[in-house]
Each structure stands twice: as C-alpha cells, then as structure tokens.
PDB file of all heavy atoms in Angstrom:
ATOM      1  N   PHE A   1       0.835  -1.209   0.000  1.00  0.00           N
ATOM      2  CA  PHE A   1       0.000   0.000   0.000  1.00  0.00           C
ATOM      3  C   PHE A   1       0.864   1.252   0.000  1.00  0.00           C
ATOM      4  O   PHE A   1       0.609   2.194  -0.748  1.00  0.00           O
ATOM      5  CB  PHE A   1      -0.923  -0.015   1.223  1.00  0.00           C
ATOM      6  CG  PHE A   1      -1.795   1.200   1.343  1.00  0.00           C
ATOM      7  CD1 PHE A   1      -2.850   1.398   0.472  1.00  0.00           C
ATOM      8  CD2 PHE A   1      -1.563   2.136   2.329  1.00  0.00           C
ATOM      9  CE1 PHE A   1      -3.661   2.519   0.577  1.00  0.00           C
ATOM     10  CE2 PHE A   1      -2.360   3.252   2.445  1.00  0.00           C
ATOM     11  CZ  PHE A   1      -3.412   3.445   1.562  1.00  0.00           C
ATOM     12  N   SER A   2       1.898   1.255   0.818  1.00  0.00           N
ATOM     13  CA  SER A   2       2.758   2.432   0.886  1.00  0.00           C
ATOM     14  C   SER A   2       3.565   2.607  -0.398  1.00  0.00           C
ATOM     15  O   SER A   2       3.782   3.730  -0.843  1.00  0.00           O
ATOM     16  CB  SER A   2       3.682   2.359   2.098  1.00  0.00           C
ATOM     17  OG  SER A   2       4.529   1.241   2.000  1.00  0.00           O
ATOM     18  N   TYR A   3       4.009   1.505  -1.010  1.00  0.00           N
ATOM     19  CA  TYR A   3       4.712   1.609  -2.290  1.00  0.00           C
ATOM     20  C   TYR A   3       3.790   2.189  -3.356  1.00  0.00           C
ATOM     21  O   TYR A   3       4.236   2.959  -4.200  1.00  0.00           O
ATOM     22  CB  TYR A   3       5.227   0.250  -2.730  1.00  0.00           C
ATOM     23  CG  TYR A   3       6.461  -0.245  -2.005  1.00  0.00           C
ATOM     24  CD1 TYR A   3       7.079   0.499  -1.012  1.00  0.00           C
ATOM     25  CD2 TYR A   3       7.002  -1.475  -2.308  1.00  0.00           C
ATOM     26  CE1 TYR A   3       8.193   0.040  -0.351  1.00  0.00           C
ATOM     27  CE2 TYR A   3       8.126  -1.953  -1.658  1.00  0.00           C
ATOM     28  CZ  TYR A   3       8.714  -1.188  -0.684  1.00  0.00           C
ATOM     29  OH  TYR A   3       9.839  -1.650  -0.031  1.00  0.00           O
ATOM     30  N   SER A   4       2.515   1.820  -3.322  1.00  0.00           N
ATOM     31  CA  SER A   4       1.585   2.372  -4.315  1.00  0.00           C
ATOM     32  C   SER A   4       1.359   3.868  -4.109  1.00  0.00           C
ATOM     33  O   SER A   4       1.005   4.583  -5.042  1.00  0.00           O
ATOM     34  CB  SER A   4       0.252   1.625  -4.264  1.00  0.00           C
ATOM     35  OG  SER A   4      -0.456   1.940  -3.084  1.00  0.00           O
ATOM     36  N   LYS A   5       1.566   4.344  -2.884  1.00  0.00           N
ATOM     37  CA  LYS A   5       1.458   5.778  -2.587  1.00  0.00           C
ATOM     38  C   LYS A   5       2.763   6.518  -2.842  1.00  0.00           C
ATOM     39  O   LYS A   5       2.826   7.725  -2.674  1.00  0.00           O
ATOM     40  CB  LYS A   5       1.066   5.976  -1.113  1.00  0.00           C
ATOM     41  CG  LYS A   5      -0.286   5.461  -0.753  1.00  0.00           C
ATOM     42  CD  LYS A   5      -1.298   6.468  -1.152  1.00  0.00           C
ATOM     43  CE  LYS A   5      -2.647   6.059  -0.614  1.00  0.00           C
ATOM     44  NZ  LYS A   5      -3.675   6.957  -1.078  1.00  0.00           N
ATOM     45  N   GLY A   6       3.836   5.786  -3.187  1.00  0.00           N
ATOM     46  CA  GLY A   6       5.124   6.417  -3.446  1.00  0.00           C
ATOM     47  C   GLY A   6       5.960   6.628  -2.210  1.00  0.00           C
ATOM     48  O   GLY A   6       6.859   7.458  -2.193  1.00  0.00           O
ATOM     49  N   ILE A   7       5.678   5.881  -1.161  1.00  0.00           N
ATOM     50  CA  ILE A   7       6.423   6.003   0.096  1.00  0.00           C
ATOM     51  C   ILE A   7       7.331   4.781   0.221  1.00  0.00           C
ATOM     52  O   ILE A   7       6.860   3.647   0.225  1.00  0.00           O
ATOM     53  CB  ILE A   7       5.462   6.087   1.300  1.00  0.00           C
ATOM     54  CG1 ILE A   7       4.581   7.325   1.153  1.00  0.00           C
ATOM     55  CG2 ILE A   7       6.223   6.105   2.601  1.00  0.00           C
ATOM     56  CD1 ILE A   7       3.475   7.406   2.172  1.00  0.00           C
ATOM     57  N   PHE A   8       8.651   5.034   0.353  1.00  0.00           N
ATOM     58  CA  PHE A   8       9.610   3.941   0.388  1.00  0.00           C
ATOM     59  C   PHE A   8      10.449   3.909   1.660  1.00  0.00           C
ATOM     60  O   PHE A   8      11.151   2.942   1.901  1.00  0.00           O
ATOM     61  CB  PHE A   8      10.534   4.029  -0.834  1.00  0.00           C
ATOM     62  CG  PHE A   8       9.787   3.922  -2.122  1.00  0.00           C
ATOM     63  CD1 PHE A   8       9.492   5.051  -2.866  1.00  0.00           C
ATOM     64  CD2 PHE A   8       9.350   2.702  -2.594  1.00  0.00           C
ATOM     65  CE1 PHE A   8       8.791   4.961  -4.056  1.00  0.00           C
ATOM     66  CE2 PHE A   8       8.648   2.602  -3.781  1.00  0.00           C
ATOM     67  CZ  PHE A   8       8.375   3.724  -4.507  1.00  0.00           C
ATOM     68  N   SER A   9      10.390   4.910   2.484  1.00  0.00           N
ATOM     69  CA  SER A   9      11.168   4.985   3.715  1.00  0.00           C
ATOM     70  C   SER A   9      10.450   4.232   4.836  1.00  0.00           C
ATOM     71  O   SER A   9       9.222   4.332   4.995  1.00  0.00           O
ATOM     72  CB  SER A   9      11.346   6.451   4.119  1.00  0.00           C
ATOM     73  OG  SER A   9      11.844   6.546   5.424  1.00  0.00           O
ATOM     74  N   SER A  10      11.201   3.493   5.632  1.00  0.00           N
ATOM     75  CA  SER A  10      10.609   2.736   6.740  1.00  0.00           C
ATOM     76  C   SER A  10       9.948   3.659   7.754  1.00  0.00           C
ATOM     77  O   SER A  10       8.882   3.357   8.285  1.00  0.00           O
ATOM     78  CB  SER A  10      11.668   1.886   7.438  1.00  0.00           C
ATOM     79  OG  SER A  10      12.190   0.933   6.563  1.00  0.00           O
ATOM     80  N   ARG A  11      10.570   4.785   8.017  1.00  0.00           N
ATOM     81  CA  ARG A  11       9.994   5.743   8.972  1.00  0.00           C
ATOM     82  C   ARG A  11       8.698   6.350   8.441  1.00  0.00           C
ATOM     83  O   ARG A  11       7.732   6.526   9.188  1.00  0.00           O
ATOM     84  CB  ARG A  11      10.998   6.841   9.300  1.00  0.00           C
ATOM     85  CG  ARG A  11      12.163   6.320  10.118  1.00  0.00           C
ATOM     86  CD  ARG A  11      13.146   7.426  10.431  1.00  0.00           C
ATOM     87  NE  ARG A  11      14.363   6.903  11.001  1.00  0.00           N
ATOM     88  CZ  ARG A  11      14.639   6.925  12.302  1.00  0.00           C
ATOM     89  NH1 ARG A  11      13.791   7.448  13.142  1.00  0.00           N
ATOM     90  NH2 ARG A  11      15.771   6.433  12.743  1.00  0.00           N
ATOM     91  N   GLN A  12       8.670   6.649   7.166  1.00  0.00           N
ATOM     92  CA  GLN A  12       7.448   7.203   6.586  1.00  0.00           C
ATOM     93  C   GLN A  12       6.351   6.157   6.498  1.00  0.00           C
ATOM     94  O   GLN A  12       5.170   6.475   6.659  1.00  0.00           O
ATOM     95  CB  GLN A  12       7.746   7.792   5.216  1.00  0.00           C
ATOM     96  CG  GLN A  12       8.578   9.049   5.272  1.00  0.00           C
ATOM     97  CD  GLN A  12       8.901   9.589   3.898  1.00  0.00           C
ATOM     98  OE1 GLN A  12       8.705   8.910   2.890  1.00  0.00           O
ATOM     99  NE2 GLN A  12       9.401  10.808   3.861  1.00  0.00           N
ATOM    100  N   ILE A  13       6.707   4.894   6.265  1.00  0.00           N
ATOM    101  CA  ILE A  13       5.713   3.816   6.241  1.00  0.00           C
ATOM    102  C   ILE A  13       5.110   3.644   7.626  1.00  0.00           C
ATOM    103  O   ILE A  13       3.898   3.480   7.778  1.00  0.00           O
ATOM    104  CB  ILE A  13       6.343   2.500   5.734  1.00  0.00           C
ATOM    105  CG1 ILE A  13       6.710   2.629   4.263  1.00  0.00           C
ATOM    106  CG2 ILE A  13       5.404   1.330   5.944  1.00  0.00           C
ATOM    107  CD1 ILE A  13       7.522   1.470   3.721  1.00  0.00           C
ATOM    108  N   SER A  14       5.948   3.705   8.658  1.00  0.00           N
ATOM    109  CA  SER A  14       5.457   3.609  10.028  1.00  0.00           C
ATOM    110  C   SER A  14       4.529   4.769  10.360  1.00  0.00           C
ATOM    111  O   SER A  14       3.489   4.596  11.003  1.00  0.00           O
ATOM    112  CB  SER A  14       6.647   3.590  10.988  1.00  0.00           C
ATOM    113  OG  SER A  14       6.225   3.588  12.310  1.00  0.00           O
ATOM    114  N   GLU A  15       4.880   5.953   9.916  1.00  0.00           N
ATOM    115  CA  GLU A  15       4.040   7.137  10.122  1.00  0.00           C
ATOM    116  C   GLU A  15       2.719   7.008   9.370  1.00  0.00           C
ATOM    117  O   GLU A  15       1.664   7.374   9.885  1.00  0.00           O
ATOM    118  CB  GLU A  15       4.812   8.364   9.652  1.00  0.00           C
ATOM    119  CG  GLU A  15       4.162   9.674   9.964  1.00  0.00           C
ATOM    120  CD  GLU A  15       5.033  10.838   9.533  1.00  0.00           C
ATOM    121  OE1 GLU A  15       6.233  10.813   9.834  1.00  0.00           O
ATOM    122  OE2 GLU A  15       4.486  11.760   8.880  1.00  0.00           O
ATOM    123  N   LEU A  16       2.776   6.467   8.167  1.00  0.00           N
ATOM    124  CA  LEU A  16       1.574   6.253   7.370  1.00  0.00           C
ATOM    125  C   LEU A  16       0.612   5.300   8.082  1.00  0.00           C
ATOM    126  O   LEU A  16      -0.602   5.508   8.071  1.00  0.00           O
ATOM    127  CB  LEU A  16       1.944   5.694   5.992  1.00  0.00           C
ATOM    128  CG  LEU A  16       0.781   5.316   5.079  1.00  0.00           C
ATOM    129  CD1 LEU A  16       0.187   6.577   4.472  1.00  0.00           C
ATOM    130  CD2 LEU A  16       1.248   4.370   3.995  1.00  0.00           C
ATOM    131  N   ALA A  17       1.159   4.259   8.701  1.00  0.00           N
ATOM    132  CA  ALA A  17       0.318   3.283   9.397  1.00  0.00           C
ATOM    133  C   ALA A  17      -0.450   3.905  10.556  1.00  0.00           C
ATOM    134  O   ALA A  17      -1.546   3.456  10.890  1.00  0.00           O
ATOM    135  CB  ALA A  17       1.174   2.128   9.909  1.00  0.00           C
ATOM    136  N   GLY A  18       0.103   4.941  11.156  1.00  0.00           N
ATOM    137  CA  GLY A  18      -0.578   5.596  12.266  1.00  0.00           C
ATOM    138  C   GLY A  18      -1.552   6.675  11.849  1.00  0.00           C
ATOM    139  O   GLY A  18      -2.507   6.967  12.566  1.00  0.00           O
ATOM    140  N   GLU A  19      -1.340   7.264  10.682  1.00  0.00           N
ATOM    141  CA  GLU A  19      -2.143   8.426  10.291  1.00  0.00           C
ATOM    142  C   GLU A  19      -3.214   8.127   9.255  1.00  0.00           C
ATOM    143  O   GLU A  19      -4.231   8.804   9.214  1.00  0.00           O
ATOM    144  CB  GLU A  19      -1.223   9.518   9.738  1.00  0.00           C
ATOM    145  CG  GLU A  19      -0.284  10.087  10.756  1.00  0.00           C
ATOM    146  CD  GLU A  19       0.658  11.110  10.171  1.00  0.00           C
ATOM    147  OE1 GLU A  19       0.665  11.272   8.936  1.00  0.00           O
ATOM    148  OE2 GLU A  19       1.390  11.736  10.955  1.00  0.00           O
ATOM    149  N   ASN A  20      -2.996   7.158   8.409  1.00  0.00           N
ATOM    150  CA  ASN A  20      -3.892   6.895   7.292  1.00  0.00           C
ATOM    151  C   ASN A  20      -4.912   5.820   7.684  1.00  0.00           C
ATOM    152  O   ASN A  20      -4.528   4.744   8.134  1.00  0.00           O
ATOM    153  CB  ASN A  20      -3.061   6.433   6.092  1.00  0.00           C
ATOM    154  CG  ASN A  20      -3.841   6.440   4.816  1.00  0.00           C
ATOM    155  OD1 ASN A  20      -5.028   6.192   4.811  1.00  0.00           O
ATOM    156  ND2 ASN A  20      -3.153   6.703   3.724  1.00  0.00           N
ATOM    157  N   LEU A  21      -6.189   6.112   7.500  1.00  0.00           N
ATOM    158  CA  LEU A  21      -7.243   5.187   7.905  1.00  0.00           C
ATOM    159  C   LEU A  21      -7.201   3.854   7.147  1.00  0.00           C
ATOM    160  O   LEU A  21      -7.306   2.797   7.773  1.00  0.00           O
ATOM    161  CB  LEU A  21      -8.609   5.856   7.767  1.00  0.00           C
ATOM    162  CG  LEU A  21      -9.785   5.126   8.400  1.00  0.00           C
ATOM    163  CD1 LEU A  21      -9.556   4.945   9.889  1.00  0.00           C
ATOM    164  CD2 LEU A  21     -11.057   5.873   8.148  1.00  0.00           C
ATOM    165  N   PRO A  22      -7.031   3.836   5.820  1.00  0.00           N
ATOM    166  CA  PRO A  22      -6.912   2.543   5.139  1.00  0.00           C
ATOM    167  C   PRO A  22      -5.689   1.739   5.593  1.00  0.00           C
ATOM    168  O   PRO A  22      -5.756   0.517   5.708  1.00  0.00           O
ATOM    169  CB  PRO A  22      -6.794   2.908   3.662  1.00  0.00           C
ATOM    170  CG  PRO A  22      -7.423   4.242   3.545  1.00  0.00           C
ATOM    171  CD  PRO A  22      -7.140   4.925   4.845  1.00  0.00           C
ATOM    172  N   ALA A  23      -4.596   2.416   5.894  1.00  0.00           N
ATOM    173  CA  ALA A  23      -3.409   1.720   6.388  1.00  0.00           C
ATOM    174  C   ALA A  23      -3.661   1.152   7.777  1.00  0.00           C
ATOM    175  O   ALA A  23      -3.195   0.057   8.105  1.00  0.00           O
ATOM    176  CB  ALA A  23      -2.212   2.660   6.408  1.00  0.00           C
ATOM    177  N   ARG A  24      -4.411   1.865   8.598  1.00  0.00           N
ATOM    178  CA  ARG A  24      -4.784   1.341   9.921  1.00  0.00           C
ATOM    179  C   ARG A  24      -5.626   0.077   9.782  1.00  0.00           C
ATOM    180  O   ARG A  24      -5.484  -0.862  10.549  1.00  0.00           O
ATOM    181  CB  ARG A  24      -5.592   2.366  10.692  1.00  0.00           C
ATOM    182  CG  ARG A  24      -4.791   3.435  11.316  1.00  0.00           C
ATOM    183  CD  ARG A  24      -5.734   4.405  11.955  1.00  0.00           C
ATOM    184  NE  ARG A  24      -5.193   4.868  13.201  1.00  0.00           N
ATOM    185  CZ  ARG A  24      -5.829   5.662  14.011  1.00  0.00           C
ATOM    186  NH1 ARG A  24      -7.038   6.064  13.714  1.00  0.00           N
ATOM    187  NH2 ARG A  24      -5.267   6.059  15.125  1.00  0.00           N
ATOM    188  N   TRP A  25      -6.512   0.088   8.811  1.00  0.00           N
ATOM    189  CA  TRP A  25      -7.368  -1.074   8.584  1.00  0.00           C
ATOM    190  C   TRP A  25      -6.522  -2.273   8.142  1.00  0.00           C
ATOM    191  O   TRP A  25      -6.780  -3.398   8.565  1.00  0.00           O
ATOM    192  CB  TRP A  25      -8.419  -0.733   7.538  1.00  0.00           C
ATOM    193  CG  TRP A  25      -9.328  -1.855   7.229  1.00  0.00           C
ATOM    194  CD1 TRP A  25     -10.363  -2.315   8.001  1.00  0.00           C
ATOM    195  CD2 TRP A  25      -9.296  -2.692   6.070  1.00  0.00           C
ATOM    196  NE1 TRP A  25     -10.963  -3.367   7.384  1.00  0.00           N
ATOM    197  CE2 TRP A  25     -10.335  -3.632   6.193  1.00  0.00           C
ATOM    198  CE3 TRP A  25      -8.486  -2.731   4.946  1.00  0.00           C
ATOM    199  CZ2 TRP A  25     -10.577  -4.594   5.246  1.00  0.00           C
ATOM    200  CZ3 TRP A  25      -8.736  -3.691   3.990  1.00  0.00           C
ATOM    201  CH2 TRP A  25      -9.765  -4.611   4.149  1.00  0.00           C
ATOM    202  N   LEU A  26      -5.529  -2.028   7.302  1.00  0.00           N
ATOM    203  CA  LEU A  26      -4.674  -3.112   6.833  1.00  0.00           C
ATOM    204  C   LEU A  26      -3.859  -3.732   7.954  1.00  0.00           C
ATOM    205  O   LEU A  26      -3.617  -4.943   7.964  1.00  0.00           O
ATOM    206  CB  LEU A  26      -3.723  -2.600   5.742  1.00  0.00           C
ATOM    207  CG  LEU A  26      -4.352  -2.266   4.404  1.00  0.00           C
ATOM    208  CD1 LEU A  26      -3.317  -1.635   3.488  1.00  0.00           C
ATOM    209  CD2 LEU A  26      -4.945  -3.497   3.757  1.00  0.00           C
ATOM    210  N   THR A  27      -3.429  -2.925   8.914  1.00  0.00           N
ATOM    211  CA  THR A  27      -2.615  -3.439  10.017  1.00  0.00           C
ATOM    212  C   THR A  27      -3.447  -3.814  11.236  1.00  0.00           C
ATOM    213  O   THR A  27      -2.889  -4.161  12.269  1.00  0.00           O
ATOM    214  CB  THR A  27      -1.559  -2.409  10.443  1.00  0.00           C
ATOM    215  OG1 THR A  27      -2.215  -1.211  10.840  1.00  0.00           O
ATOM    216  CG2 THR A  27      -0.576  -2.145   9.331  1.00  0.00           C
ATOM    217  N   LYS A  28      -4.755  -3.725  11.126  1.00  0.00           N
ATOM    218  CA  LYS A  28      -5.676  -4.073  12.208  1.00  0.00           C
ATOM    219  C   LYS A  28      -5.423  -3.243  13.463  1.00  0.00           C
ATOM    220  O   LYS A  28      -5.357  -3.745  14.573  1.00  0.00           O
ATOM    221  CB  LYS A  28      -5.581  -5.559  12.507  1.00  0.00           C
ATOM    222  CG  LYS A  28      -5.945  -6.401  11.307  1.00  0.00           C
ATOM    223  CD  LYS A  28      -5.771  -7.860  11.563  1.00  0.00           C
ATOM    224  CE  LYS A  28      -6.117  -8.579  10.279  1.00  0.00           C
ATOM    225  NZ  LYS A  28      -5.687  -9.932  10.238  1.00  0.00           N
ATOM    226  N   ASN A  29      -5.236  -1.941  13.254  1.00  0.00           N
ATOM    227  CA  ASN A  29      -5.013  -0.947  14.314  1.00  0.00           C
ATOM    228  C   ASN A  29      -3.757  -1.196  15.133  1.00  0.00           C
ATOM    229  O   ASN A  29      -3.662  -0.767  16.275  1.00  0.00           O
ATOM    230  CB  ASN A  29      -6.226  -0.822  15.232  1.00  0.00           C
ATOM    231  CG  ASN A  29      -7.323  -0.013  14.609  1.00  0.00           C
ATOM    232  OD1 ASN A  29      -7.065   0.837  13.763  1.00  0.00           O
ATOM    233  ND2 ASN A  29      -8.543  -0.275  15.000  1.00  0.00           N
ATOM    234  N   LEU A  30      -2.786  -1.882  14.564  1.00  0.00           N
ATOM    235  CA  LEU A  30      -1.480  -2.010  15.188  1.00  0.00           C
ATOM    236  C   LEU A  30      -0.529  -1.095  14.437  1.00  0.00           C
ATOM    237  O   LEU A  30      -0.597  -0.969  13.222  1.00  0.00           O
ATOM    238  CB  LEU A  30      -0.979  -3.451  15.102  1.00  0.00           C
ATOM    239  CG  LEU A  30      -1.810  -4.481  15.863  1.00  0.00           C
ATOM    240  CD1 LEU A  30      -1.292  -5.874  15.581  1.00  0.00           C
ATOM    241  CD2 LEU A  30      -1.766  -4.205  17.351  1.00  0.00           C
ATOM    242  N   PHE A  31       0.345  -0.429  15.147  1.00  0.00           N
ATOM    243  CA  PHE A  31       1.234   0.541  14.541  1.00  0.00           C
ATOM    244  C   PHE A  31       2.665   0.028  14.638  1.00  0.00           C
ATOM    245  O   PHE A  31       3.315   0.207  15.669  1.00  0.00           O
ATOM    246  CB  PHE A  31       1.098   1.904  15.231  1.00  0.00           C
ATOM    247  CG  PHE A  31      -0.336   2.359  15.329  1.00  0.00           C
ATOM    248  CD1 PHE A  31      -0.948   2.480  16.554  1.00  0.00           C
ATOM    249  CD2 PHE A  31      -1.055   2.648  14.188  1.00  0.00           C
ATOM    250  CE1 PHE A  31      -2.257   2.897  16.648  1.00  0.00           C
ATOM    251  CE2 PHE A  31      -2.368   3.069  14.267  1.00  0.00           C
ATOM    252  CZ  PHE A  31      -2.966   3.190  15.502  1.00  0.00           C
ATOM    253  N   PRO A  32       3.149  -0.613  13.584  1.00  0.00           N
ATOM    254  CA  PRO A  32       4.520  -1.129  13.640  1.00  0.00           C
ATOM    255  C   PRO A  32       5.531   0.012  13.661  1.00  0.00           C
ATOM    256  O   PRO A  32       5.332   1.044  13.036  1.00  0.00           O
ATOM    257  CB  PRO A  32       4.649  -1.951  12.357  1.00  0.00           C
ATOM    258  CG  PRO A  32       3.642  -1.374  11.433  1.00  0.00           C
ATOM    259  CD  PRO A  32       2.525  -0.888  12.293  1.00  0.00           C
ATOM    260  N   SER A  33       6.605  -0.198  14.391  1.00  0.00           N
ATOM    261  CA  SER A  33       7.666   0.810  14.417  1.00  0.00           C
ATOM    262  C   SER A  33       8.457   0.744  13.121  1.00  0.00           C
ATOM    263  O   SER A  33       8.340  -0.207  12.343  1.00  0.00           O
ATOM    264  CB  SER A  33       8.592   0.576  15.611  1.00  0.00           C
ATOM    265  OG  SER A  33       9.345  -0.602  15.410  1.00  0.00           O
ATOM    266  N   TYR A  34       9.277   1.733  12.896  1.00  0.00           N
ATOM    267  CA  TYR A  34      10.072   1.751  11.672  1.00  0.00           C
ATOM    268  C   TYR A  34      11.072   0.598  11.662  1.00  0.00           C
ATOM    269  O   TYR A  34      11.423   0.082  10.612  1.00  0.00           O
ATOM    270  CB  TYR A  34      10.777   3.093  11.484  1.00  0.00           C
ATOM    271  CG  TYR A  34      11.911   3.354  12.452  1.00  0.00           C
ATOM    272  CD1 TYR A  34      13.217   3.044  12.108  1.00  0.00           C
ATOM    273  CD2 TYR A  34      11.677   3.921  13.694  1.00  0.00           C
ATOM    274  CE1 TYR A  34      14.264   3.275  12.982  1.00  0.00           C
ATOM    275  CE2 TYR A  34      12.706   4.166  14.564  1.00  0.00           C
ATOM    276  CZ  TYR A  34      13.998   3.835  14.215  1.00  0.00           C
ATOM    277  OH  TYR A  34      15.019   4.071  15.086  1.00  0.00           O
ATOM    278  N   ARG A  35      11.507   0.164  12.832  1.00  0.00           N
ATOM    279  CA  ARG A  35      12.433  -0.974  12.902  1.00  0.00           C
ATOM    280  C   ARG A  35      11.751  -2.263  12.473  1.00  0.00           C
ATOM    281  O   ARG A  35      12.343  -3.091  11.788  1.00  0.00           O
ATOM    282  CB  ARG A  35      12.981  -1.113  14.310  1.00  0.00           C
ATOM    283  CG  ARG A  35      13.914  -0.014  14.691  1.00  0.00           C
ATOM    284  CD  ARG A  35      14.425  -0.196  16.073  1.00  0.00           C
ATOM    285  NE  ARG A  35      15.322   0.902  16.418  1.00  0.00           N
ATOM    286  CZ  ARG A  35      15.851   1.053  17.598  1.00  0.00           C
ATOM    287  NH1 ARG A  35      15.586   0.194  18.566  1.00  0.00           N
ATOM    288  NH2 ARG A  35      16.658   2.072  17.830  1.00  0.00           N
ATOM    289  N   THR A  36      10.506  -2.436  12.878  1.00  0.00           N
ATOM    290  CA  THR A  36       9.753  -3.621  12.472  1.00  0.00           C
ATOM    291  C   THR A  36       9.556  -3.634  10.962  1.00  0.00           C
ATOM    292  O   THR A  36       9.728  -4.664  10.317  1.00  0.00           O
ATOM    293  CB  THR A  36       8.386  -3.648  13.181  1.00  0.00           C
ATOM    294  OG1 THR A  36       8.582  -3.604  14.586  1.00  0.00           O
ATOM    295  CG2 THR A  36       7.604  -4.887  12.810  1.00  0.00           C
ATOM    296  N   VAL A  37       9.214  -2.493  10.403  1.00  0.00           N
ATOM    297  CA  VAL A  37       9.024  -2.381   8.957  1.00  0.00           C
ATOM    298  C   VAL A  37      10.331  -2.673   8.233  1.00  0.00           C
ATOM    299  O   VAL A  37      10.366  -3.429   7.247  1.00  0.00           O
ATOM    300  CB  VAL A  37       8.479  -0.987   8.574  1.00  0.00           C
ATOM    301  CG1 VAL A  37       8.449  -0.804   7.084  1.00  0.00           C
ATOM    302  CG2 VAL A  37       7.114  -0.757   9.181  1.00  0.00           C
TER     303      VAL A  37
END
C-alpha cells in the first residue's frame, strides 16, 4: 500500500500506518515501528 502511494522509507511507512485510515485497517489498528518495517 505504501509503495503504491510512493512512500519507500521505513519511517514514513510507520508514520503512514498511524495516520492513514486505510493503512490502519490493513494493520488491524497495530502501529509497527520503523524498525519492524
């Protein structure tokens, strides 16, 4: 999902998971850290 949005950084992907509603749905309301990503 993040690659389709043009986001390739682990930190930005982690931020996306916390801020974007569709990304929250994909992760089932869990927010992985940038290290996990």
